[in-house]
C-alpha atoms as a PDB file:
ATOM      1  CA  UNK A   1      88.106 -74.467  31.789  1.00  0.00           C
ATOM      2  CA  UNK A   2      88.957 -72.084  28.990  1.00  0.00           C
ATOM      3  CA  UNK A   3      86.954 -68.958  28.079  1.00  0.00           C
ATOM      4  CA  UNK A   4      85.044 -70.592  25.177  1.00  0.00           C
ATOM      5  CA  UNK A   5      83.775 -73.427  27.361  1.00  0.00           C
ATOM      6  CA  UNK A   6      82.688 -70.962  30.027  1.00  0.00           C
ATOM      7  CA  UNK A   7      80.605 -68.909  27.538  1.00  0.00           C
ATOM      8  CA  UNK A   8      78.899 -72.018  26.142  1.00  0.00           C
ATOM      9  CA  UNK A   9      78.040 -73.189  29.623  1.00  0.00           C
ATOM     10  CA  UNK A  10      76.583 -69.747  30.441  1.00  0.00           C
ATOM     11  CA  UNK A  11      74.318 -69.684  27.343  1.00  0.00           C
ATOM     12  CA  UNK A  12      73.019 -73.131  28.216  1.00  0.00           C
ATOM     13  CA  UNK A  13      71.944 -71.961  31.627  1.00  0.00           C
ATOM     14  CA  UNK A  14      70.019 -68.951  30.110  1.00  0.00           C
ATOM     15  CA  UNK A  15      67.978 -71.269  27.816  1.00  0.00           C
ATOM     16  CA  UNK A  16      66.661 -73.374  30.693  1.00  0.00           C
ATOM     17  CA  UNK A  17      63.144 -72.157  31.627  1.00  0.00           C
ATOM     18  CA  UNK A  18      62.165 -71.945  35.225  1.00  0.00           C
ATOM     19  CA  UNK A  19      58.933 -73.704  36.366  1.00  0.00           C
ATOM     20  CA  UNK A  20      57.206 -70.281  36.752  1.00  0.00           C
ATOM     21  CA  UNK A  21      58.073 -69.270  33.176  1.00  0.00           C
ATOM     22  CA  UNK A  22      56.804 -72.618  31.863  1.00  0.00           C
ATOM     23  CA  UNK A  23      53.503 -72.128  33.750  1.00  0.00           C
ATOM     24  CA  UNK A  24      52.962 -68.613  32.326  1.00  0.00           C
ATOM     25  CA  UNK A  25      53.686 -69.861  28.804  1.00  0.00           C
ATOM     26  CA  UNK A  26      51.120 -72.684  29.107  1.00  0.00           C
ATOM     27  CA  UNK A  27      48.518 -70.296  30.583  1.00  0.00           C
ATOM     28  CA  UNK A  28      48.983 -67.748  27.779  1.00  0.00           C
ATOM     29  CA  UNK A  29      48.647 -70.453  25.134  1.00  0.00           C
ATOM     30  CA  UNK A  30      45.428 -71.735  26.736  1.00  0.00           C
ATOM     31  CA  UNK A  31      43.892 -68.229  26.836  1.00  0.00           C
ATOM     32  CA  UNK A  32      44.697 -67.563  23.192  1.00  0.00           C
ATOM     33  CA  UNK A  33      43.199 -70.911  22.183  1.00  0.00           C
ATOM     34  CA  UNK A  34      40.009 -70.226  24.167  1.00  0.00           C
ATOM     35  CA  UNK A  35      39.596 -66.820  22.552  1.00  0.00           C
ATOM     36  CA  UNK A  36      40.014 -68.329  19.113  1.00  0.00           C
ATOM     37  CA  UNK A  37      37.355 -70.967  19.835  1.00  0.00           C
ATOM     38  CA  UNK A  38      34.912 -68.316  21.119  1.00  0.00           C
ATOM     39  CA  UNK A  39      35.370 -66.141  18.039  1.00  0.00           C
ATOM     40  CA  UNK A  40      34.849 -69.045  15.678  1.00  0.00           C
ATOM     41  CA  UNK A  41      31.700 -70.132  17.550  1.00  0.00           C
ATOM     42  CA  UNK A  42      30.227 -66.607  17.466  1.00  0.00           C
ATOM     43  CA  UNK A  43      30.902 -66.344  13.755  1.00  0.00           C
ATOM     44  CA  UNK A  44      29.040 -69.587  13.171  1.00  0.00           C
ATOM     45  CA  UNK A  45      25.870 -68.489  14.995  1.00  0.00           C
ATOM     46  CA  UNK A  46      23.093 -66.769  12.932  1.00  0.00           C
ATOM     47  CA  UNK A  47      22.596 -63.061  13.547  1.00  0.00           C
ATOM     48  CA  UNK A  48      19.379 -62.140  15.447  1.00  0.00           C
ATOM     49  CA  UNK A  49      16.545 -60.538  13.427  1.00  0.00           C
ATOM     50  CA  UNK A  50      15.231 -57.165  14.573  1.00  0.00           C
ATOM     51  CA  UNK A  51      11.651 -58.260  13.849  1.00  0.00           C
ATOM     52  CA  UNK A  52      11.947 -61.066  16.383  1.00  0.00           C
ATOM     53  CA  UNK A  53      13.360 -58.697  18.993  1.00  0.00           C
ATOM     54  CA  UNK A  54      10.619 -56.121  18.491  1.00  0.00           C
ATOM     55  CA  UNK A  55       7.899 -58.767  18.771  1.00  0.00           C
ATOM     56  CA  UNK A  56       9.359 -60.043  22.032  1.00  0.00           C
ATOM     57  CA  UNK A  57       9.586 -56.538  23.451  1.00  0.00           C
ATOM     58  CA  UNK A  58       6.065 -55.480  22.470  1.00  0.00           C
ATOM     59  CA  UNK A  59       4.517 -58.608  23.944  1.00  0.00           C
ATOM     60  CA  UNK A  60       5.708 -57.591  27.385  1.00  0.00           C
ATOM     61  CA  UNK A  61       3.804 -54.281  27.306  1.00  0.00           C
ATOM     62  CA  UNK A  62       0.155 -53.300  27.364  1.00  0.00           C
ATOM     63  CA  UNK A  63      -1.077 -53.028  23.760  1.00  0.00           C
ATOM     64  CA  UNK A  64      -3.582 -50.226  24.365  1.00  0.00           C
ATOM     65  CA  UNK A  65      -1.431 -47.697  22.546  1.00  0.00           C
ATOM     66  CA  UNK A  66      -1.059 -50.092  19.637  1.00  0.00           C
ATOM     67  CA  UNK A  67      -4.801 -50.595  19.353  1.00  0.00           C
ATOM     68  CA  UNK A  68      -5.351 -46.844  19.549  1.00  0.00           C
ATOM     69  CA  UNK A  69      -2.923 -46.345  16.701  1.00  0.00           C
ATOM     70  CA  UNK A  70      -4.689 -49.038  14.689  1.00  0.00           C
ATOM     71  CA  UNK A  71      -8.012 -47.280  15.180  1.00  0.00           C
ATOM     72  CA  UNK A  72      -6.512 -43.973  14.088  1.00  0.00           C
ATOM     73  CA  UNK A  73      -5.054 -45.518  10.947  1.00  0.00           C
ATOM     74  CA  UNK A  74      -8.368 -47.188  10.064  1.00  0.00           C
ATOM     75  CA  UNK A  75     -10.304 -43.962  10.494  1.00  0.00           C
ATOM     76  CA  UNK A  76      -8.057 -41.759   8.380  1.00  0.00           C
ATOM     77  CA  UNK A  77      -9.740 -42.694   5.129  1.00  0.00           C
ATOM     78  CA  UNK A  78      -7.555 -45.706   4.295  1.00  0.00           C
ATOM     79  CA  UNK A  79     -10.045 -48.238   5.641  1.00  0.00           C
ATOM     80  CA  UNK A  80     -13.676 -48.603   6.555  1.00  0.00           C
ATOM     81  CA  UNK A  81     -13.683 -51.350   9.177  1.00  0.00           C
ATOM     82  CA  UNK A  82     -12.833 -48.933  11.992  1.00  0.00           C
ATOM     83  CA  UNK A  83     -15.170 -46.128  11.012  1.00  0.00           C
ATOM     84  CA  UNK A  84     -18.135 -48.469  10.571  1.00  0.00           C
ATOM     85  CA  UNK A  85     -18.033 -49.307  14.296  1.00  0.00           C
ATOM     86  CA  UNK A  86     -17.565 -45.778  15.513  1.00  0.00           C
ATOM     87  CA  UNK A  87     -20.552 -44.121  17.204  1.00  0.00           C
ATOM     88  CA  UNK A  88     -22.287 -41.418  15.147  1.00  0.00           C
ATOM     89  CA  UNK A  89     -21.383 -37.866  16.195  1.00  0.00           C
ATOM     90  CA  UNK A  90     -23.967 -35.866  18.148  1.00  0.00           C
ATOM     91  CA  UNK A  91     -25.111 -33.816  15.150  1.00  0.00           C
ATOM     92  CA  UNK A  92     -28.522 -32.142  14.838  1.00  0.00           C
ATOM     93  CA  UNK A  93     -29.774 -30.671  11.569  1.00  0.00           C
ATOM     94  CA  UNK A  94     -32.933 -29.257   9.982  1.00  0.00           C
ATOM     95  CA  UNK A  95     -35.573 -31.773   8.831  1.00  0.00           C
ATOM     96  CA  UNK A  96     -36.239 -29.683   5.708  1.00  0.00           C
ATOM     97  CA  UNK A  97     -34.160 -27.277   3.639  1.00  0.00           C
ATOM     98  CA  UNK A  98     -37.009 -25.088   2.364  1.00  0.00           C
ATOM     99  CA  UNK A  99     -40.168 -24.466   4.395  1.00  0.00           C
ATOM    100  CA  UNK A 100     -42.400 -21.902   6.083  1.00  0.00           C
ATOM    101  CA  UNK A 101     -43.284 -22.061   9.770  1.00  0.00           C
ATOM    102  CA  UNK A 102     -47.087 -22.170   9.666  1.00  0.00           C
ATOM    103  CA  UNK A 103     -47.932 -23.095  13.248  1.00  0.00           C
ATOM    104  CA  UNK A 104     -46.029 -22.998  16.556  1.00  0.00           C
ATOM    105  CA  UNK A 105     -45.960 -25.100  19.716  1.00  0.00           C
ATOM    106  CA  UNK A 106     -48.712 -24.188  22.209  1.00  0.00           C
ATOM    107  CA  UNK A 107     -52.436 -23.994  22.744  1.00  0.00           C
ATOM    108  CA  UNK A 108     -54.537 -24.113  19.605  1.00  0.00           C
ATOM    109  CA  UNK A 109     -58.322 -24.454  19.455  1.00  0.00           C
ATOM    110  CA  UNK A 110     -58.396 -25.322  23.127  1.00  0.00           C
ATOM    111  CA  UNK A 111     -55.818 -28.116  22.830  1.00  0.00           C
ATOM    112  CA  UNK A 112     -52.048 -28.326  22.958  1.00  0.00           C
ATOM    113  CA  UNK A 113     -50.369 -28.310  19.595  1.00  0.00           C
ATOM    114  CA  UNK A 114     -47.280 -30.325  20.651  1.00  0.00           C
ATOM    115  CA  UNK A 115     -44.995 -29.425  17.763  1.00  0.00           C
ATOM    116  CA  UNK A 116     -44.188 -26.985  14.988  1.00  0.00           C
ATOM    117  CA  UNK A 117     -45.648 -27.144  11.462  1.00  0.00           C
ATOM    118  CA  UNK A 118     -43.300 -26.592   8.544  1.00  0.00           C
ATOM    119  CA  UNK A 119     -45.143 -25.872   5.317  1.00  0.00           C
ATOM    120  CA  UNK A 120     -43.601 -27.358   2.153  1.00  0.00           C
ATOM    121  CA  UNK A 121     -44.744 -28.709  -1.189  1.00  0.00           C
ATOM    122  CA  UNK A 122     -46.197 -32.192  -1.178  1.00  0.00           C
ATOM    123  CA  UNK A 123     -43.587 -34.785  -2.114  1.00  0.00           C
ATOM    124  CA  UNK A 124     -40.678 -32.795  -0.639  1.00  0.00           C
ATOM    125  CA  UNK A 125     -38.350 -35.255   1.157  1.00  0.00           C
ATOM    126  CA  UNK A 126     -37.622 -34.661   4.830  1.00  0.00           C
ATOM    127  CA  UNK A 127     -34.841 -36.169   6.890  1.00  0.00           C
ATOM    128  CA  UNK A 128     -33.912 -37.319  10.390  1.00  0.00           C
ATOM    129  CA  UNK A 129     -32.664 -34.435  12.532  1.00  0.00           C
ATOM    130  CA  UNK A 130     -30.253 -36.695  14.436  1.00  0.00           C
ATOM    131  CA  UNK A 131     -29.066 -40.285  14.630  1.00  0.00           C
ATOM    132  CA  UNK A 132     -31.357 -42.843  16.235  1.00  0.00           C
ATOM    133  CA  UNK A 133     -33.607 -45.851  15.775  1.00  0.00           C
ATOM    134  CA  UNK A 134     -36.972 -45.741  14.017  1.00  0.00           C
ATOM    135  CA  UNK A 135     -39.525 -47.007  16.534  1.00  0.00           C
ATOM    136  CA  UNK A 136     -42.674 -46.185  14.554  1.00  0.00           C
ATOM    137  CA  UNK A 137     -43.211 -45.884  10.793  1.00  0.00           C
ATOM    138  CA  UNK A 138     -46.866 -46.324   9.823  1.00  0.00           C
ATOM    139  CA  UNK A 139     -50.300 -44.762   9.835  1.00  0.00           C
ATOM    140  CA  UNK A 140     -51.071 -43.324  13.276  1.00  0.00           C
ATOM    141  CA  UNK A 141     -54.514 -41.696  13.600  1.00  0.00           C
ATOM    142  CA  UNK A 142     -54.474 -37.897  13.375  1.00  0.00           C
ATOM    143  CA  UNK A 143     -50.740 -37.931  12.561  1.00  0.00           C
ATOM    144  CA  UNK A 144     -51.466 -39.737   9.308  1.00  0.00           C
ATOM    145  CA  UNK A 145     -48.309 -41.437   8.047  1.00  0.00           C
ATOM    146  CA  UNK A 146     -46.159 -40.996  11.124  1.00  0.00           C
ATOM    147  CA  UNK A 147     -42.513 -41.620  12.012  1.00  0.00           C
ATOM    148  CA  UNK A 148     -40.939 -41.617  15.476  1.00  0.00           C
ATOM    149  CA  UNK A 149     -37.198 -41.871  16.141  1.00  0.00           C
ATOM    150  CA  UNK A 150     -35.631 -42.756  19.483  1.00  0.00           C
ATOM    151  CA  UNK A 151     -32.354 -40.846  19.962  1.00  0.00           C
ATOM    152  CA  UNK A 152     -31.561 -42.261  23.386  1.00  0.00           C
ATOM    153  CA  UNK A 153     -31.531 -40.531  26.778  1.00  0.00           C
ATOM    154  CA  UNK A 154     -35.317 -40.239  26.657  1.00  0.00           C
ATOM    155  CA  UNK A 155     -35.348 -38.120  23.471  1.00  0.00           C
ATOM    156  CA  UNK A 156     -37.794 -38.876  20.652  1.00  0.00           C
ATOM    157  CA  UNK A 157     -38.550 -36.875  17.512  1.00  0.00           C
ATOM    158  CA  UNK A 158     -41.908 -37.148  15.745  1.00  0.00           C
ATOM    159  CA  UNK A 159     -42.704 -36.489  12.066  1.00  0.00           C
ATOM    160  CA  UNK A 160     -46.339 -36.366  10.929  1.00  0.00           C
ATOM    161  CA  UNK A 161     -48.631 -36.184   7.880  1.00  0.00           C
ATOM    162  CA  UNK A 162     -46.206 -37.753   5.377  1.00  0.00           C
ATOM    163  CA  UNK A 163     -47.460 -38.644   1.907  1.00  0.00           C
ATOM    164  CA  UNK A 164     -45.054 -41.567   1.540  1.00  0.00           C
ATOM    165  CA  UNK A 165     -42.860 -43.439   4.028  1.00  0.00           C
ATOM    166  CA  UNK A 166     -39.260 -44.210   3.049  1.00  0.00           C
ATOM    167  CA  UNK A 167     -37.952 -45.961   6.170  1.00  0.00           C
ATOM    168  CA  UNK A 168     -39.071 -48.883   8.322  1.00  0.00           C
ATOM    169  CA  UNK A 169     -39.401 -49.695  12.007  1.00  0.00           C
ATOM    170  CA  UNK A 170     -36.218 -50.903  13.682  1.00  0.00           C
ATOM    171  CA  UNK A 171     -33.970 -49.125  11.177  1.00  0.00           C
ATOM    172  CA  UNK A 172     -30.936 -47.222  12.435  1.00  0.00           C
ATOM    173  CA  UNK A 173     -30.746 -43.781  10.824  1.00  0.00           C
ATOM    174  CA  UNK A 174     -28.285 -40.913  10.883  1.00  0.00           C
ATOM    175  CA  UNK A 175     -28.778 -37.183  10.718  1.00  0.00           C
ATOM    176  CA  UNK A 176     -29.742 -36.329   7.134  1.00  0.00           C
ATOM    177  CA  UNK A 177     -31.136 -39.752   6.184  1.00  0.00           C
ATOM    178  CA  UNK A 178     -34.396 -39.495   4.235  1.00  0.00           C
ATOM    179  CA  UNK A 179     -37.428 -40.598   6.219  1.00  0.00           C
ATOM    180  CA  UNK A 180     -40.456 -39.784   4.062  1.00  0.00           C
ATOM    181  CA  UNK A 181     -42.123 -37.226   1.782  1.00  0.00           C
ATOM    182  CA  UNK A 182     -44.093 -34.220   2.990  1.00  0.00           C
ATOM    183  CA  UNK A 183     -47.842 -34.722   2.687  1.00  0.00           C
ATOM    184  CA  UNK A 184     -51.324 -33.897   3.957  1.00  0.00           C
ATOM    185  CA  UNK A 185     -52.413 -37.150   5.606  1.00  0.00           C
ATOM    186  CA  UNK A 186     -54.310 -37.575   8.877  1.00  0.00           C
ATOM    187  CA  UNK A 187     -55.710 -34.550  10.722  1.00  0.00           C
ATOM    188  CA  UNK A 188     -54.068 -31.968   8.463  1.00  0.00           C
ATOM    189  CA  UNK A 189     -55.008 -28.813   6.555  1.00  0.00           C
ATOM    190  CA  UNK A 190     -52.543 -28.309   3.753  1.00  0.00           C
ATOM    191  CA  UNK A 191     -49.257 -29.953   2.876  1.00  0.00           C
ATOM    192  CA  UNK A 192     -46.757 -29.666   5.720  1.00  0.00           C
ATOM    193  CA  UNK A 193     -44.442 -31.522   8.103  1.00  0.00           C
ATOM    194  CA  UNK A 194     -45.534 -31.672  11.721  1.00  0.00           C
ATOM    195  CA  UNK A 195     -42.352 -31.895  13.824  1.00  0.00           C
ATOM    196  CA  UNK A 196     -42.218 -32.693  17.551  1.00  0.00           C
ATOM    197  CA  UNK A 197     -39.549 -33.295  20.186  1.00  0.00           C
ATOM    198  CA  UNK A 198     -40.413 -35.384  23.256  1.00  0.00           C
ATOM    199  CA  UNK A 199     -38.363 -35.794  26.416  1.00  0.00           C
ATOM    200  CA  UNK A 200     -39.278 -38.758  28.620  1.00  0.00           C
ATOM    201  CA  UNK A 201     -42.609 -39.041  26.817  1.00  0.00           C
ATOM    202  CA  UNK A 202     -43.593 -35.376  27.180  1.00  0.00           C
ATOM    203  CA  UNK A 203     -43.540 -32.853  24.292  1.00  0.00           C
ATOM    204  CA  UNK A 204     -41.120 -29.928  24.675  1.00  0.00           C
ATOM    205  CA  UNK A 205     -41.012 -26.665  22.734  1.00  0.00           C
ATOM    206  CA  UNK A 206     -39.077 -27.745  19.603  1.00  0.00           C
ATOM    207  CA  UNK A 207     -37.675 -24.366  18.494  1.00  0.00           C
ATOM    208  CA  UNK A 208     -35.863 -23.749  21.791  1.00  0.00           C
ATOM    209  CA  UNK A 209     -34.704 -27.380  21.960  1.00  0.00           C
ATOM    210  CA  UNK A 210     -33.243 -27.287  18.462  1.00  0.00           C
ATOM    211  CA  UNK A 211     -31.536 -23.946  19.128  1.00  0.00           C
ATOM    212  CA  UNK A 212     -29.780 -25.511  22.118  1.00  0.00           C
ATOM    213  CA  UNK A 213     -28.495 -28.135  19.666  1.00  0.00           C
ATOM    214  CA  UNK A 214     -27.219 -25.575  17.184  1.00  0.00           C
ATOM    215  CA  UNK A 215     -30.220 -25.513  14.822  1.00  0.00           C
ATOM    216  CA  UNK A 216     -32.437 -22.418  14.488  1.00  0.00           C
ATOM    217  CA  UNK A 217     -35.593 -23.540  12.674  1.00  0.00           C
ATOM    218  CA  UNK A 218     -37.321 -20.165  12.805  1.00  0.00           C
ATOM    219  CA  UNK A 219     -34.310 -18.064  11.816  1.00  0.00           C
ATOM    220  CA  UNK A 220     -33.522 -20.395   8.919  1.00  0.00           C
ATOM    221  CA  UNK A 221     -37.096 -20.052   7.658  1.00  0.00           C
ATOM    222  CA  UNK A 222     -37.048 -16.267   7.955  1.00  0.00           C
ATOM    223  CA  UNK A 223     -33.714 -16.100   6.126  1.00  0.00           C
ATOM    224  CA  UNK A 224     -35.156 -18.073   3.216  1.00  0.00           C
ATOM    225  CA  UNK A 225     -38.412 -16.155   2.876  1.00  0.00           C
ATOM    226  CA  UNK A 226     -37.372 -12.630   3.957  1.00  0.00           C
END
């Protein structure tokens, strides 16, 4: 065998692949093909929407914080549905803006005078001192045209001697809502508002009670007429 034949025979042996090399080649080809199929499949699928993901996530949690946020957004002035169902704040105010204290709580003519009299011109409107429900709004003996408001927790305020009634029984009122006009009806001497506070059916001294609730009836009157 000459040198040329020997070289040709040698190159032929190098081109023959061993069984192990053939196996690795087939395996590599299969992996590349699988990767290509996976990429093409992923590209064909629609992308997920963030809205759908957020809805799924929120449904697995307690929604108390969400409802609290909704209430806050409704009560910030952008809506009225939330604020309409909110309980009225515990606010107490004067029943009249201009008046003179003409008679105090205590014994008078041998009997208990269970309230304070606030002198004012006939026809002057007076208002509820706090939120509550009107339980009486009609003529009531010596009280004349009389209004009573139940504020809950055993508290009732009483307004007597009105010339004209502006509310009705069963009505829910808030502090500052007009109830009636000052008058001189019933057992009365001169135009004034008779104002009482009752706790569990018993009259309490109204000036001290109102002061505890941030309202100084006597001081306000003295400031006006000093």
